[in-house]
Amino acid sequence: MKSVRTRGREFTGVVTETKMQLTATVEWPRRKYVSKYERYATAKTRVKAHNPPEINAAAGDVVKLVECRPISKTKHFMIVEKVGHERLFVAKQELMEESKKKQKKAEETEDESS
């Protein structure tokens, strides 16, 4: 692999998908201040990162990523190391798929009744 110099910020997040070649989508939670309500809301940051073949992170892995030069139009981060694996990641994904199926069924029955 060609070496890419890193710079800037470092983050730790969870790999959510790896459907693209040498690319992974990583997300991590953050707290965002909402001035109207004078409270904090939980939001998540989602970025695309270069997933080198040496690391080959899979969905559900907790990884450390570092900012680097733009590798492509949307990739500005690079996965440096695997930290571990998130517990219950597969269960969360299955629940999301089930809820999507239920929504589709509800929409279909609503369309038929109209």
Foldseek 3Di string as FASTA:
>chain_A
DDDFDFDDDKDKFFFAADPDPQKTKTKDKDWDQDVVVRDIDIDMDIAMAGRDPVAPDHGQWIFMKTATPDPDPGYGIYTDHTDGGHPCRVVVVVVVVVVVVVVVVVVVVVVVVD
